[in-house]
N, C-alpha and C. Protein backbone atom coordinates (compact mmCIF):
# COMPACT_ATOMS: atom_id res chain seq x y z
N MET A 1 113.59 -10.24 84.16
CA MET A 1 114.52 -10.05 83.07
C MET A 1 114.46 -11.28 82.18
N ARG A 2 114.43 -11.02 80.91
CA ARG A 2 114.34 -12.12 79.96
C ARG A 2 115.73 -12.72 79.71
N ARG A 3 115.71 -13.93 79.17
CA ARG A 3 116.96 -14.65 78.91
C ARG A 3 117.83 -13.89 77.92
N ILE A 4 117.23 -13.30 76.90
CA ILE A 4 118.00 -12.57 75.89
C ILE A 4 118.67 -11.34 76.52
N ASP A 5 118.00 -10.73 77.49
CA ASP A 5 118.59 -9.58 78.18
C ASP A 5 119.87 -9.99 78.91
N VAL A 6 119.82 -11.14 79.57
CA VAL A 6 120.99 -11.64 80.30
C VAL A 6 122.12 -11.93 79.32
N ILE A 7 121.80 -12.52 78.18
CA ILE A 7 122.82 -12.83 77.19
C ILE A 7 123.46 -11.54 76.67
N VAL A 8 122.65 -10.55 76.36
CA VAL A 8 123.17 -9.27 75.86
C VAL A 8 124.04 -8.59 76.91
N ILE A 9 123.59 -8.58 78.15
CA ILE A 9 124.38 -7.96 79.22
C ILE A 9 125.72 -8.67 79.38
N THR A 10 125.71 -10.00 79.32
CA THR A 10 126.94 -10.77 79.44
C THR A 10 127.91 -10.43 78.32
N ILE A 11 127.40 -10.35 77.11
CA ILE A 11 128.26 -10.01 75.96
C ILE A 11 128.81 -8.60 76.12
N LEU A 12 127.97 -7.66 76.56
CA LEU A 12 128.43 -6.28 76.76
C LEU A 12 129.51 -6.18 77.83
N VAL A 13 129.36 -6.93 78.93
CA VAL A 13 130.38 -6.92 79.97
C VAL A 13 131.68 -7.51 79.42
N PHE A 14 131.59 -8.59 78.68
CA PHE A 14 132.77 -9.22 78.07
C PHE A 14 133.48 -8.24 77.14
N LEU A 15 132.70 -7.58 76.28
CA LEU A 15 133.29 -6.63 75.34
C LEU A 15 133.85 -5.40 76.04
N SER A 16 133.18 -4.96 77.12
CA SER A 16 133.71 -3.80 77.85
C SER A 16 135.04 -4.14 78.52
N GLY A 17 135.20 -5.38 78.97
CA GLY A 17 136.49 -5.79 79.52
C GLY A 17 137.60 -5.71 78.49
N GLY A 18 137.31 -6.15 77.27
CA GLY A 18 138.29 -6.05 76.20
C GLY A 18 138.58 -4.60 75.83
N LEU A 19 137.53 -3.77 75.82
CA LEU A 19 137.72 -2.36 75.51
C LEU A 19 138.56 -1.67 76.58
N ILE A 20 138.29 -1.98 77.84
CA ILE A 20 139.09 -1.40 78.94
C ILE A 20 140.55 -1.83 78.80
N TYR A 21 140.75 -3.09 78.45
CA TYR A 21 142.11 -3.61 78.24
C TYR A 21 142.81 -2.81 77.14
N LEU A 22 142.12 -2.59 76.02
CA LEU A 22 142.71 -1.84 74.91
C LEU A 22 142.98 -0.39 75.29
N ILE A 23 142.12 0.19 76.09
CA ILE A 23 142.33 1.57 76.54
C ILE A 23 143.58 1.65 77.40
N PHE A 24 143.71 0.70 78.34
CA PHE A 24 144.92 0.69 79.18
C PHE A 24 146.18 0.49 78.34
N GLN A 25 146.12 -0.37 77.35
CA GLN A 25 147.27 -0.54 76.47
C GLN A 25 147.55 0.74 75.67
N GLY A 26 146.48 1.42 75.27
CA GLY A 26 146.63 2.64 74.50
C GLY A 26 147.26 3.79 75.29
N ILE A 27 147.06 3.79 76.60
CA ILE A 27 147.65 4.87 77.40
C ILE A 27 149.04 4.51 77.92
N GLY A 28 149.54 3.34 77.51
CA GLY A 28 150.93 3.05 77.81
C GLY A 28 151.22 1.88 78.72
N PHE A 29 150.21 1.17 79.20
CA PHE A 29 150.45 0.00 80.03
C PHE A 29 150.93 -1.15 79.15
N ASP A 30 151.82 -2.00 79.70
CA ASP A 30 152.16 -3.21 78.94
C ASP A 30 151.00 -4.20 79.07
N SER A 31 151.03 -5.29 78.31
CA SER A 31 149.86 -6.17 78.24
C SER A 31 149.52 -6.80 79.58
N ALA A 32 150.53 -7.15 80.39
CA ALA A 32 150.25 -7.76 81.69
C ALA A 32 149.57 -6.76 82.63
N ASP A 33 150.11 -5.55 82.70
CA ASP A 33 149.51 -4.54 83.57
C ASP A 33 148.12 -4.13 83.08
N ALA A 34 147.96 -4.02 81.76
CA ALA A 34 146.65 -3.68 81.21
C ALA A 34 145.63 -4.76 81.57
N GLY A 35 146.04 -6.03 81.52
CA GLY A 35 145.15 -7.13 81.90
C GLY A 35 144.78 -7.08 83.37
N ILE A 36 145.77 -6.82 84.21
CA ILE A 36 145.50 -6.76 85.64
C ILE A 36 144.55 -5.61 85.96
N TRP A 37 144.81 -4.43 85.39
CA TRP A 37 143.98 -3.27 85.69
C TRP A 37 142.59 -3.38 85.08
N SER A 38 142.48 -3.98 83.92
CA SER A 38 141.14 -4.15 83.34
C SER A 38 140.33 -5.14 84.19
N GLN A 39 140.97 -6.18 84.71
CA GLN A 39 140.29 -7.10 85.61
C GLN A 39 139.90 -6.40 86.92
N ALA A 40 140.78 -5.54 87.41
CA ALA A 40 140.48 -4.80 88.64
C ALA A 40 139.27 -3.89 88.44
N VAL A 41 139.19 -3.24 87.28
CA VAL A 41 138.04 -2.37 87.00
C VAL A 41 136.76 -3.20 86.91
N LEU A 42 136.81 -4.34 86.24
CA LEU A 42 135.62 -5.19 86.13
C LEU A 42 135.19 -5.75 87.49
N VAL A 43 136.14 -6.18 88.29
CA VAL A 43 135.80 -6.70 89.62
C VAL A 43 135.26 -5.57 90.50
N GLY A 44 135.84 -4.37 90.39
CA GLY A 44 135.32 -3.23 91.13
C GLY A 44 133.89 -2.91 90.73
N GLY A 45 133.60 -2.97 89.43
CA GLY A 45 132.23 -2.76 88.97
C GLY A 45 131.28 -3.81 89.50
N LEU A 46 131.74 -5.05 89.54
CA LEU A 46 130.93 -6.14 90.08
C LEU A 46 130.64 -5.93 91.57
N VAL A 47 131.64 -5.51 92.32
CA VAL A 47 131.45 -5.26 93.75
C VAL A 47 130.46 -4.11 93.97
N ILE A 48 130.57 -3.05 93.17
CA ILE A 48 129.64 -1.93 93.29
C ILE A 48 128.22 -2.39 92.96
N TRP A 49 128.06 -3.18 91.90
CA TRP A 49 126.74 -3.70 91.55
C TRP A 49 126.18 -4.55 92.69
N LEU A 50 127.03 -5.39 93.28
CA LEU A 50 126.61 -6.24 94.39
C LEU A 50 126.16 -5.41 95.58
N LEU A 51 126.88 -4.33 95.87
CA LEU A 51 126.49 -3.46 96.99
C LEU A 51 125.15 -2.78 96.72
N THR A 52 124.91 -2.35 95.47
CA THR A 52 123.61 -1.75 95.17
C THR A 52 122.49 -2.79 95.30
N TYR A 53 122.78 -4.02 94.90
CA TYR A 53 121.80 -5.10 95.04
C TYR A 53 121.48 -5.34 96.52
N LEU A 54 122.51 -5.44 97.34
CA LEU A 54 122.29 -5.66 98.77
C LEU A 54 121.54 -4.49 99.40
N PHE A 55 121.81 -3.26 98.94
CA PHE A 55 121.09 -2.10 99.45
C PHE A 55 119.60 -2.19 99.09
N ARG A 56 119.30 -2.60 97.84
CA ARG A 56 117.90 -2.75 97.44
C ARG A 56 117.21 -3.86 98.23
N VAL A 57 117.94 -4.93 98.53
CA VAL A 57 117.37 -6.00 99.34
C VAL A 57 117.08 -5.49 100.74
N GLY A 58 118.03 -4.76 101.31
CA GLY A 58 117.87 -4.25 102.68
C GLY A 58 116.76 -3.23 102.82
N THR A 59 116.52 -2.44 101.78
CA THR A 59 115.48 -1.41 101.85
C THR A 59 114.16 -1.87 101.22
N HIS A 60 114.09 -3.13 100.83
CA HIS A 60 112.88 -3.73 100.23
C HIS A 60 112.45 -2.98 98.98
N LYS A 61 113.39 -2.57 98.16
CA LYS A 61 113.10 -1.88 96.90
C LYS A 61 113.27 -2.82 95.71
N MET A 62 113.18 -4.11 95.96
CA MET A 62 113.32 -5.09 94.89
C MET A 62 112.07 -5.06 94.02
N THR A 63 112.19 -5.48 92.78
CA THR A 63 111.06 -5.49 91.85
C THR A 63 109.92 -6.35 92.39
N TYR A 64 110.26 -7.51 92.95
CA TYR A 64 109.21 -8.40 93.48
C TYR A 64 108.44 -7.72 94.60
N ASN A 65 109.15 -7.07 95.51
CA ASN A 65 108.49 -6.39 96.62
C ASN A 65 107.57 -5.28 96.12
N GLN A 66 108.03 -4.53 95.13
CA GLN A 66 107.20 -3.46 94.57
C GLN A 66 105.96 -4.04 93.89
N GLN A 67 106.13 -5.13 93.14
CA GLN A 67 104.98 -5.74 92.47
C GLN A 67 103.98 -6.29 93.49
N LEU A 68 104.48 -6.89 94.55
CA LEU A 68 103.61 -7.44 95.59
C LEU A 68 102.83 -6.32 96.27
N LYS A 69 103.50 -5.22 96.59
CA LYS A 69 102.84 -4.08 97.23
C LYS A 69 101.78 -3.50 96.30
N ASN A 70 102.11 -3.33 95.01
CA ASN A 70 101.13 -2.81 94.05
C ASN A 70 99.92 -3.72 93.94
N TYR A 71 100.16 -5.04 93.95
CA TYR A 71 99.06 -6.00 93.87
C TYR A 71 98.17 -5.91 95.10
N GLU A 72 98.78 -5.87 96.29
CA GLU A 72 98.01 -5.77 97.52
C GLU A 72 97.19 -4.49 97.55
N ASP A 73 97.79 -3.37 97.13
CA ASP A 73 97.05 -2.10 97.09
C ASP A 73 95.88 -2.18 96.12
N ALA A 74 96.09 -2.81 94.96
CA ALA A 74 95.01 -2.93 93.97
C ALA A 74 93.88 -3.80 94.50
N VAL A 75 94.22 -4.89 95.20
CA VAL A 75 93.19 -5.77 95.76
C VAL A 75 92.39 -5.02 96.82
N LEU A 76 93.07 -4.30 97.70
CA LEU A 76 92.35 -3.55 98.74
C LEU A 76 91.47 -2.46 98.13
N GLU A 77 91.98 -1.78 97.11
CA GLU A 77 91.20 -0.74 96.45
C GLU A 77 89.95 -1.34 95.79
N LYS A 78 90.11 -2.49 95.16
CA LYS A 78 88.98 -3.17 94.52
C LYS A 78 87.94 -3.57 95.57
N ARG A 79 88.38 -4.09 96.70
CA ARG A 79 87.45 -4.48 97.76
C ARG A 79 86.71 -3.26 98.31
N LEU A 80 87.41 -2.14 98.46
CA LEU A 80 86.74 -0.93 98.94
C LEU A 80 85.69 -0.44 97.94
N GLU A 81 86.00 -0.54 96.65
CA GLU A 81 85.04 -0.12 95.63
C GLU A 81 83.79 -0.99 95.64
N GLU A 82 83.94 -2.26 95.98
CA GLU A 82 82.81 -3.18 95.97
C GLU A 82 81.96 -3.10 97.22
N MET A 83 82.43 -2.42 98.25
CA MET A 83 81.68 -2.34 99.50
C MET A 83 80.50 -1.36 99.36
N THR A 84 79.43 -1.70 100.07
CA THR A 84 78.27 -0.81 100.09
C THR A 84 78.56 0.35 101.04
N PRO A 85 77.80 1.42 100.93
CA PRO A 85 78.02 2.55 101.85
C PRO A 85 77.87 2.16 103.33
N GLU A 86 76.96 1.23 103.62
CA GLU A 86 76.79 0.77 105.01
C GLU A 86 78.04 0.04 105.49
N GLU A 87 78.59 -0.81 104.63
CA GLU A 87 79.81 -1.55 104.99
C GLU A 87 80.98 -0.59 105.17
N LEU A 88 81.06 0.43 104.32
CA LEU A 88 82.13 1.43 104.46
C LEU A 88 81.99 2.19 105.78
N ALA A 89 80.77 2.54 106.14
CA ALA A 89 80.55 3.25 107.40
C ALA A 89 80.93 2.36 108.58
N GLN A 90 80.58 1.08 108.51
CA GLN A 90 80.93 0.15 109.57
C GLN A 90 82.44 0.00 109.69
N LEU A 91 83.13 -0.12 108.53
CA LEU A 91 84.59 -0.24 108.52
C LEU A 91 85.23 1.02 109.10
N GLN A 92 84.72 2.17 108.71
CA GLN A 92 85.26 3.42 109.24
C GLN A 92 85.05 3.51 110.75
N ALA A 93 83.92 3.05 111.25
CA ALA A 93 83.67 3.05 112.68
C ALA A 93 84.64 2.14 113.40
N GLU A 94 84.91 0.98 112.82
CA GLU A 94 85.88 0.05 113.42
C GLU A 94 87.28 0.64 113.46
N VAL A 95 87.66 1.32 112.38
CA VAL A 95 88.98 1.94 112.33
C VAL A 95 89.10 3.05 113.37
N GLU A 96 88.05 3.85 113.50
CA GLU A 96 88.06 4.92 114.52
C GLU A 96 88.14 4.34 115.93
N GLU A 97 87.44 3.23 116.13
CA GLU A 97 87.46 2.56 117.44
C GLU A 97 88.86 2.04 117.75
N GLU A 98 89.54 1.49 116.74
CA GLU A 98 90.92 1.00 116.94
C GLU A 98 91.88 2.16 117.23
N LYS A 99 91.66 3.30 116.58
CA LYS A 99 92.52 4.46 116.82
C LYS A 99 92.36 4.98 118.24
N ASN A 100 91.15 4.91 118.77
CA ASN A 100 90.88 5.44 120.10
C ASN A 100 91.42 4.55 121.21
N LYS A 101 91.74 3.32 120.91
CA LYS A 101 92.25 2.38 121.94
C LYS A 101 93.66 2.68 122.32
């Protein structure tokens, strides 16, 4: 994520807090209650985001993990393409031998 993306997201979260506050005031809450409930909504959103982050960490669905897996797959595919037919046959024989053990 780029720095400008973080700045924009921060501004949007800040503005959404103010908008939520105004909505609560518009439906009849006094300013103190509207402030408390708008903070509760923002903190609840933060907790939900944190839980989704922890879930992605636990299931290894993070962007870095996906990029690393894609890189490893590309390197292995490139190595297989560069192998001669004799080397491929030898590799396949080794794999079959490992499966039979």
